[in-house]
PDB file of N, CA and C in Angstrom:
ATOM      1  N   UNK A   1     135.671  93.900 130.813  1.00  0.00           N
ATOM      2  CA  UNK A   1     136.237  95.502 130.891  1.00  0.00           C
ATOM      3  C   UNK A   1     137.056  95.772 132.274  1.00  0.00           C
ATOM      4  N   UNK A   2     137.884  96.524 131.539  1.00  0.00           N
ATOM      5  CA  UNK A   2     139.283  97.009 132.196  1.00  0.00           C
ATOM      6  C   UNK A   2     138.730  98.265 133.685  1.00  0.00           C
ATOM      7  N   UNK A   3     139.783  98.023 133.651  1.00  0.00           N
ATOM      8  CA  UNK A   3     139.592  98.785 135.558  1.00  0.00           C
ATOM      9  C   UNK A   3     139.774  99.936 135.495  1.00  0.00           C
ATOM     10  N   UNK A   4     139.343 100.957 135.684  1.00  0.00           N
ATOM     11  CA  UNK A   4     138.886 102.560 135.158  1.00  0.00           C
ATOM     12  C   UNK A   4     139.276 103.114 136.757  1.00  0.00           C
ATOM     13  N   UNK A   5     140.613 104.566 136.643  1.00  0.00           N
ATOM     14  CA  UNK A   5     140.720 104.811 137.566  1.00  0.00           C
ATOM     15  C   UNK A   5     140.953 106.891 137.292  1.00  0.00           C
ATOM     16  N   UNK A   6     140.620 107.108 138.321  1.00  0.00           N
ATOM     17  CA  UNK A   6     140.251 108.160 138.531  1.00  0.00           C
ATOM     18  C   UNK A   6     140.724 109.822 138.965  1.00  0.00           C
ATOM     19  N   UNK A   7     141.817 110.572 138.526  1.00  0.00           N
ATOM     20  CA  UNK A   7     141.905 111.469 138.944  1.00  0.00           C
ATOM     21  C   UNK A   7     141.038 112.681 139.002  1.00  0.00           C
ATOM     22  N   UNK A   8     141.924 113.321 140.280  1.00  0.00           N
ATOM     23  CA  UNK A   8     140.293 114.521 140.296  1.00  0.00           C
ATOM     24  C   UNK A   8     142.158 115.658 140.402  1.00  0.00           C
ATOM     25  N   UNK A   9     141.675 116.962 140.223  1.00  0.00           N
ATOM     26  CA  UNK A   9     142.830 117.692 140.551  1.00  0.00           C
ATOM     27  C   UNK A   9     141.531 119.277 141.595  1.00  0.00           C
ATOM     28  N   UNK A  10     141.627 119.455 142.857  1.00  0.00           N
ATOM     29  CA  UNK A  10     141.092 120.290 143.301  1.00  0.00           C
ATOM     30  C   UNK A  10     141.803 121.641 143.376  1.00  0.00           C
ATOM     31  N   UNK A  11     140.971 122.728 143.577  1.00  0.00           N
ATOM     32  CA  UNK A  11     141.544 124.071 143.487  1.00  0.00           C
ATOM     33  C   UNK A  11     142.610 124.536 143.525  1.00  0.00           C
ATOM     34  N   UNK A  12     142.884 123.935 145.072  1.00  0.00           N
ATOM     35  CA  UNK A  12     143.730 123.988 145.682  1.00  0.00           C
ATOM     36  C   UNK A  12     145.068 123.350 144.438  1.00  0.00           C
ATOM     37  N   UNK A  13     145.370 122.674 143.647  1.00  0.00           N
ATOM     38  CA  UNK A  13     146.240 121.964 142.526  1.00  0.00           C
ATOM     39  C   UNK A  13     146.840 120.760 142.956  1.00  0.00           C
ATOM     40  N   UNK A  14     145.782 120.561 144.053  1.00  0.00           N
ATOM     41  CA  UNK A  14     146.577 119.211 144.155  1.00  0.00           C
ATOM     42  C   UNK A  14     145.355 118.496 143.121  1.00  0.00           C
ATOM     43  N   UNK A  15     146.190 117.098 142.596  1.00  0.00           N
ATOM     44  CA  UNK A  15     145.368 115.495 142.405  1.00  0.00           C
ATOM     45  C   UNK A  15     145.437 114.401 143.059  1.00  0.00           C
ATOM     46  N   UNK A  16     144.526 113.943 143.560  1.00  0.00           N
ATOM     47  CA  UNK A  16     144.111 112.987 143.408  1.00  0.00           C
ATOM     48  C   UNK A  16     143.423 111.418 143.157  1.00  0.00           C
ATOM     49  N   UNK A  17     144.169 110.456 143.344  1.00  0.00           N
ATOM     50  CA  UNK A  17     142.988 109.014 142.573  1.00  0.00           C
ATOM     51  C   UNK A  17     142.015 108.947 143.800  1.00  0.00           C
ATOM     52  N   UNK A  18     140.759 108.899 142.707  1.00  0.00           N
ATOM     53  CA  UNK A  18     139.673 108.167 143.765  1.00  0.00           C
ATOM     54  C   UNK A  18     139.536 107.107 143.450  1.00  0.00           C
ATOM     55  N   UNK A  19     139.116 106.075 143.919  1.00  0.00           N
ATOM     56  CA  UNK A  19     137.941 105.219 143.118  1.00  0.00           C
ATOM     57  C   UNK A  19     136.683 104.943 142.778  1.00  0.00           C
ATOM     58  N   UNK A  20     136.048 104.146 141.806  1.00  0.00           N
ATOM     59  CA  UNK A  20     135.481 105.042 140.651  1.00  0.00           C
ATOM     60  C   UNK A  20     134.408 103.636 141.064  1.00  0.00           C
ATOM     61  N   UNK A  21     133.465 104.446 140.058  1.00  0.00           N
ATOM     62  CA  UNK A  21     132.237 103.538 140.988  1.00  0.00           C
ATOM     63  C   UNK A  21     131.354 102.751 139.375  1.00  0.00           C
ATOM     64  N   UNK A  22     131.774 102.177 139.134  1.00  0.00           N
ATOM     65  CA  UNK A  22     131.716 101.626 137.720  1.00  0.00           C
ATOM     66  C   UNK A  22     130.273 102.000 136.789  1.00  0.00           C
ATOM     67  N   UNK A  23     129.305 101.937 138.289  1.00  0.00           N
ATOM     68  CA  UNK A  23     128.219 101.786 137.535  1.00  0.00           C
ATOM     69  C   UNK A  23     127.237 103.532 137.326  1.00  0.00           C
ATOM     70  N   UNK A  24     128.001 104.446 138.403  1.00  0.00           N
ATOM     71  CA  UNK A  24     127.905 105.950 138.369  1.00  0.00           C
ATOM     72  C   UNK A  24     128.811 106.805 138.154  1.00  0.00           C
ATOM     73  N   UNK A  25     129.702 106.443 136.825  1.00  0.00           N
ATOM     74  CA  UNK A  25     130.721 107.118 136.841  1.00  0.00           C
ATOM     75  C   UNK A  25     130.526 108.767 135.974  1.00  0.00           C
ATOM     76  N   UNK A  26     129.737 107.706 135.059  1.00  0.00           N
ATOM     77  CA  UNK A  26     128.924 109.586 134.809  1.00  0.00           C
ATOM     78  C   UNK A  26     128.209 111.006 135.947  1.00  0.00           C
ATOM     79  N   UNK A  27     127.384 109.994 136.989  1.00  0.00           N
ATOM     80  CA  UNK A  27     127.592 110.497 137.891  1.00  0.00           C
ATOM     81  C   UNK A  27     128.506 111.722 138.737  1.00  0.00           C
ATOM     82  N   UNK A  28     129.784 110.138 138.923  1.00  0.00           N
ATOM     83  CA  UNK A  28     130.445 110.588 140.054  1.00  0.00           C
ATOM     84  C   UNK A  28     131.739 112.188 139.047  1.00  0.00           C
ATOM     85  N   UNK A  29     131.572 111.774 137.724  1.00  0.00           N
ATOM     86  CA  UNK A  29     132.732 113.185 136.878  1.00  0.00           C
ATOM     87  C   UNK A  29     131.820 114.625 136.709  1.00  0.00           C
ATOM     88  N   UNK A  30     130.089 113.868 137.365  1.00  0.00           N
ATOM     89  CA  UNK A  30     129.836 115.677 136.846  1.00  0.00           C
ATOM     90  C   UNK A  30     129.337 116.128 137.967  1.00  0.00           C
ATOM     91  N   UNK A  31     129.216 115.065 138.995  1.00  0.00           N
ATOM     92  CA  UNK A  31     129.798 116.110 140.314  1.00  0.00           C
ATOM     93  C   UNK A  31     130.579 116.530 141.406  1.00  0.00           C
ATOM     94  N   UNK A  32     131.837 115.548 140.591  1.00  0.00           N
ATOM     95  CA  UNK A  32     133.409 116.415 140.540  1.00  0.00           C
ATOM     96  C   UNK A  32     133.717 117.752 139.979  1.00  0.00           C
ATOM     97  N   UNK A  33     132.704 117.517 138.708  1.00  0.00           N
ATOM     98  CA  UNK A  33     133.356 119.022 137.691  1.00  0.00           C
ATOM     99  C   UNK A  33     132.706 120.219 137.728  1.00  0.00           C
ATOM    100  N   UNK A  34     131.100 119.657 138.828  1.00  0.00           N
ATOM    101  CA  UNK A  34     130.174 121.147 139.305  1.00  0.00           C
ATOM    102  C   UNK A  34     130.629 121.566 140.427  1.00  0.00           C
ATOM    103  N   UNK A  35     131.138 121.656 140.778  1.00  0.00           N
ATOM    104  CA  UNK A  35     132.036 121.443 142.804  1.00  0.00           C
ATOM    105  C   UNK A  35     133.725 122.454 141.544  1.00  0.00           C
ATOM    106  N   UNK A  36     133.636 121.999 140.535  1.00  0.00           N
ATOM    107  CA  UNK A  36     134.843 123.112 139.982  1.00  0.00           C
ATOM    108  C   UNK A  36     136.278 122.396 140.209  1.00  0.00           C
ATOM    109  N   UNK A  37     136.292 121.423 139.944  1.00  0.00           N
ATOM    110  CA  UNK A  37     137.616 120.015 140.079  1.00  0.00           C
ATOM    111  C   UNK A  37     137.677 119.788 138.806  1.00  0.00           C
ATOM    112  N   UNK A  38     139.185 119.382 138.348  1.00  0.00           N
ATOM    113  CA  UNK A  38     139.126 118.414 137.029  1.00  0.00           C
ATOM    114  C   UNK A  38     139.580 117.665 136.868  1.00  0.00           C
ATOM    115  N   UNK A  39     138.531 116.839 136.295  1.00  0.00           N
ATOM    116  CA  UNK A  39     138.686 115.318 135.976  1.00  0.00           C
ATOM    117  C   UNK A  39     138.918 114.738 135.117  1.00  0.00           C
ATOM    118  N   UNK A  40     140.046 113.709 135.402  1.00  0.00           N
ATOM    119  CA  UNK A  40     140.393 113.029 134.258  1.00  0.00           C
ATOM    120  C   UNK A  40     140.252 110.940 134.507  1.00  0.00           C
ATOM    121  N   UNK A  41     139.769 110.970 133.347  1.00  0.00           N
ATOM    122  CA  UNK A  41     139.199 109.238 133.342  1.00  0.00           C
ATOM    123  C   UNK A  41     140.308 108.378 132.965  1.00  0.00           C
ATOM    124  N   UNK A  42     140.981 107.531 133.287  1.00  0.00           N
ATOM    125  CA  UNK A  42     142.351 107.036 132.926  1.00  0.00           C
ATOM    126  C   UNK A  42     141.423 104.983 132.336  1.00  0.00           C
ATOM    127  N   UNK A  43     141.604 104.162 131.550  1.00  0.00           N
ATOM    128  CA  UNK A  43     141.941 102.600 131.912  1.00  0.00           C
ATOM    129  C   UNK A  43     143.143 102.590 132.234  1.00  0.00           C
ATOM    130  N   UNK A  44     143.562 100.838 132.110  1.00  0.00           N
ATOM    131  CA  UNK A  44     144.504 100.452 132.470  1.00  0.00           C
ATOM    132  C   UNK A  44     145.731 100.793 131.375  1.00  0.00           C
ATOM    133  N   UNK A  45     145.535 100.379 130.704  1.00  0.00           N
ATOM    134  CA  UNK A  45     146.627 101.051 129.587  1.00  0.00           C
ATOM    135  C   UNK A  45     147.268 101.636 129.921  1.00  0.00           C
ATOM    136  N   UNK A  46     145.892 103.012 129.986  1.00  0.00           N
ATOM    137  CA  UNK A  46     146.164 104.505 129.420  1.00  0.00           C
ATOM    138  C   UNK A  46     147.165 105.301 130.960  1.00  0.00           C
ATOM    139  N   UNK A  47     146.108 104.111 131.878  1.00  0.00           N
ATOM    140  CA  UNK A  47     147.852 104.857 132.788  1.00  0.00           C
ATOM    141  C   UNK A  47     148.855 104.190 132.909  1.00  0.00           C
ATOM    142  N   UNK A  48     149.460 103.444 133.060  1.00  0.00           N
ATOM    143  CA  UNK A  48     150.378 102.581 132.735  1.00  0.00           C
ATOM    144  C   UNK A  48     151.436 103.696 132.320  1.00  0.00           C
ATOM    145  N   UNK A  49     150.457 103.604 130.563  1.00  0.00           N
ATOM    146  CA  UNK A  49     151.546 104.730 129.017  1.00  0.00           C
ATOM    147  C   UNK A  49     151.680 106.268 130.149  1.00  0.00           C
ATOM    148  N   UNK A  50     151.221 106.644 130.575  1.00  0.00           N
ATOM    149  CA  UNK A  50     150.445 108.156 131.170  1.00  0.00           C
ATOM    150  C   UNK A  50     152.356 108.148 131.938  1.00  0.00           C
ATOM    151  N   UNK A  51     152.007 106.872 133.200  1.00  0.00           N
ATOM    152  CA  UNK A  51     152.577 106.900 134.071  1.00  0.00           C
ATOM    153  C   UNK A  51     154.887 107.033 133.942  1.00  0.00           C
ATOM    154  N   UNK A  52     154.637 105.933 133.178  1.00  0.00           N
ATOM    155  CA  UNK A  52     156.100 105.813 132.298  1.00  0.00           C
ATOM    156  C   UNK A  52     156.186 107.137 131.591  1.00  0.00           C
ATOM    157  N   UNK A  53     155.255 107.514 130.828  1.00  0.00           N
ATOM    158  CA  UNK A  53     156.082 109.673 130.278  1.00  0.00           C
ATOM    159  C   UNK A  53     156.198 110.177 131.250  1.00  0.00           C
ATOM    160  N   UNK A  54     155.499 109.637 132.460  1.00  0.00           N
ATOM    161  CA  UNK A  54     155.465 110.809 134.078  1.00  0.00           C
ATOM    162  C   UNK A  54     157.362 110.374 133.999  1.00  0.00           C
ATOM    163  N   UNK A  55     157.643 109.008 134.518  1.00  0.00           N
ATOM    164  CA  UNK A  55     158.804 108.831 134.405  1.00  0.00           C
ATOM    165  C   UNK A  55     159.837 108.899 133.842  1.00  0.00           C
ATOM    166  N   UNK A  56     159.668 109.201 132.707  1.00  0.00           N
ATOM    167  CA  UNK A  56     160.830 109.360 130.956  1.00  0.00           C
ATOM    168  C   UNK A  56     160.406 111.051 131.649  1.00  0.00           C
ATOM    169  N   UNK A  57     159.819 111.652 131.691  1.00  0.00           N
ATOM    170  CA  UNK A  57     159.393 113.310 131.750  1.00  0.00           C
ATOM    171  C   UNK A  57     160.703 113.762 133.071  1.00  0.00           C
ATOM    172  N   UNK A  58     160.358 112.953 134.046  1.00  0.00           N
ATOM    173  CA  UNK A  58     161.698 112.868 135.686  1.00  0.00           C
ATOM    174  C   UNK A  58     163.199 112.946 135.750  1.00  0.00           C
ATOM    175  N   UNK A  59     163.313 111.558 134.545  1.00  0.00           N
ATOM    176  CA  UNK A  59     164.403 111.297 134.432  1.00  0.00           C
ATOM    177  C   UNK A  59     164.790 111.989 133.987  1.00  0.00           C
ATOM    178  N   UNK A  60     164.626 113.196 132.599  1.00  0.00           N
ATOM    179  CA  UNK A  60     164.747 113.614 132.063  1.00  0.00           C
ATOM    180  C   UNK A  60     165.191 115.157 132.398  1.00  0.00           C
ATOM    181  N   UNK A  61     164.408 115.259 133.434  1.00  0.00           N
ATOM    182  CA  UNK A  61     164.390 116.865 133.515  1.00  0.00           C
ATOM    183  C   UNK A  61     164.752 116.803 134.965  1.00  0.00           C
ATOM    184  N   UNK A  62     164.788 116.134 135.778  1.00  0.00           N
ATOM    185  CA  UNK A  62     165.601 115.908 137.182  1.00  0.00           C
ATOM    186  C   UNK A  62     164.417 116.451 137.939  1.00  0.00           C
ATOM    187  N   UNK A  63     162.811 116.620 137.842  1.00  0.00           N
ATOM    188  CA  UNK A  63     161.739 116.888 138.814  1.00  0.00           C
ATOM    189  C   UNK A  63     161.283 116.057 139.509  1.00  0.00           C
TER     190      UNK A  63
END
């Protein structure tokens, strides 16, 4: 089973990576969404892919 990574964006606009409880992932997502937070769950491959994309954007735009 691939490891999961959960990123939660709060109402303040800050995104945090939170530990994932694999057995209760649906409940965890539901609780954050009900609190008005945006939730993104990625597996290990997706996290690497988006991390590389973010690095490329930083290099080309200077952000």
